[in-house]
């Protein structure tokens, strides 16, 4: 039996959208953009961050599955004029190049 999504999960899912990377440059410059690996669920990661699941977030950071956007990646995404999936968990903007959809 699958657990029902929490209210927070539903809220963040509704606030998740595709956006041009170029539109996020201000947040990147502020150092508040976190890149979520494609193999992770963007919304579930956002929920974990919002709920301050520090140990889980630390593991993701350690494994490189969650990281601050770096200059190389930012330049490539800007040159490619790519779109990313994004959701805000203040002060962070979580982005993902390809969003993993729940099955």
Protein backbone atom coordinates (compact mmCIF):
# COMPACT_ATOMS: atom_id res chain seq x y z
CA UNK A 1 0.00 0.00 0.00
CA UNK A 2 1.36 3.40 -0.99
CA UNK A 3 1.32 6.25 1.52
CA UNK A 4 -0.72 9.28 0.58
CA UNK A 5 1.31 12.38 -0.23
CA UNK A 6 1.57 14.93 2.55
CA UNK A 7 0.04 18.39 2.28
CA UNK A 8 3.54 19.82 1.92
CA UNK A 9 4.32 17.41 -0.91
CA UNK A 10 1.12 18.36 -2.72
CA UNK A 11 1.85 22.07 -2.22
CA UNK A 12 5.42 21.80 -3.53
CA UNK A 13 4.32 19.65 -6.45
CA UNK A 14 1.84 22.36 -7.47
CA UNK A 15 4.58 25.00 -7.20
CA UNK A 16 7.02 23.04 -9.36
CA UNK A 17 7.37 24.23 -12.93
CA UNK A 18 9.69 24.39 -15.89
CA UNK A 19 11.68 27.58 -16.22
CA UNK A 20 14.47 28.82 -18.45
CA UNK A 21 17.84 28.57 -16.73
CA UNK A 22 18.51 32.14 -17.81
CA UNK A 23 15.63 33.33 -15.60
CA UNK A 24 17.37 31.83 -12.57
CA UNK A 25 20.67 33.67 -13.01
CA UNK A 26 19.96 36.08 -10.15
CA UNK A 27 19.47 33.15 -7.76
CA UNK A 28 22.55 31.38 -9.11
CA UNK A 29 24.60 34.55 -8.54
CA UNK A 30 23.32 34.63 -4.93
CA UNK A 31 24.45 31.01 -4.45
CA UNK A 32 20.96 29.77 -3.64
CA UNK A 33 20.46 27.25 -6.47
CA UNK A 34 20.73 23.56 -5.58
CA UNK A 35 20.92 21.00 -8.38
CA UNK A 36 19.03 17.76 -7.75
CA UNK A 37 20.34 14.65 -9.54
CA UNK A 38 18.08 13.14 -12.20
CA UNK A 39 17.71 9.90 -10.27
CA UNK A 40 16.08 11.71 -7.34
CA UNK A 41 12.51 12.89 -7.12
CA UNK A 42 12.63 16.69 -7.14
CA UNK A 43 9.54 17.17 -4.97
CA UNK A 44 10.55 14.51 -2.44
CA UNK A 45 13.97 16.18 -2.15
CA UNK A 46 12.28 19.57 -1.66
CA UNK A 47 10.05 18.09 1.05
CA UNK A 48 13.09 16.64 2.85
CA UNK A 49 14.78 20.04 2.73
CA UNK A 50 11.66 21.86 3.94
CA UNK A 51 11.20 19.37 6.78
CA UNK A 52 14.87 19.82 7.76
CA UNK A 53 15.79 16.15 7.33
CA UNK A 54 19.41 17.09 7.95
CA UNK A 55 20.92 13.59 7.90
CA UNK A 56 19.25 12.70 4.58
CA UNK A 57 20.24 16.04 3.01
CA UNK A 58 23.82 15.58 4.28
CA UNK A 59 23.94 12.14 2.63
CA UNK A 60 22.70 13.58 -0.67
CA UNK A 61 25.32 16.33 -0.50
CA UNK A 62 28.07 13.85 0.34
CA UNK A 63 27.10 11.58 -2.59
CA UNK A 64 26.89 14.53 -4.98
CA UNK A 65 23.19 13.91 -5.62
CA UNK A 66 22.40 17.39 -4.33
CA UNK A 67 24.85 20.22 -4.88
CA UNK A 68 25.13 23.93 -5.38
CA UNK A 69 25.05 24.88 -9.05
CA UNK A 70 28.62 25.39 -10.18
CA UNK A 71 30.02 27.79 -12.73
CA UNK A 72 30.75 25.16 -15.39
CA UNK A 73 27.24 23.76 -15.27
CA UNK A 74 25.68 27.22 -15.19
CA UNK A 75 27.61 28.28 -18.30
CA UNK A 76 26.65 25.12 -20.20
CA UNK A 77 22.99 25.44 -19.29
CA UNK A 78 23.03 29.11 -20.27
CA UNK A 79 24.70 28.36 -23.62
CA UNK A 80 22.20 25.55 -24.28
CA UNK A 81 19.29 27.82 -23.33
CA UNK A 82 17.98 24.89 -21.35
CA UNK A 83 14.88 24.61 -19.26
CA UNK A 84 14.96 23.09 -15.80
CA UNK A 85 12.31 21.96 -13.40
CA UNK A 86 12.37 24.20 -10.35
CA UNK A 87 10.75 24.51 -6.96
CA UNK A 88 11.45 26.99 -4.17
CA UNK A 89 12.15 26.00 -0.58
CA UNK A 90 13.28 29.37 0.71
CA UNK A 91 16.00 30.43 0.61
CA UNK A 92 16.85 27.67 -1.88
CA UNK A 93 15.75 27.12 -5.46
CA UNK A 94 15.99 23.43 -6.30
CA UNK A 95 16.47 22.65 -9.97
CA UNK A 96 16.61 19.49 -12.00
CA UNK A 97 17.46 19.14 -15.66
CA UNK A 98 15.21 16.12 -16.08
CA UNK A 99 12.42 15.54 -13.67
CA UNK A 100 11.76 12.05 -12.41
CA UNK A 101 8.02 11.47 -12.45
CA UNK A 102 6.36 9.36 -9.79
CA UNK A 103 5.13 6.00 -11.04
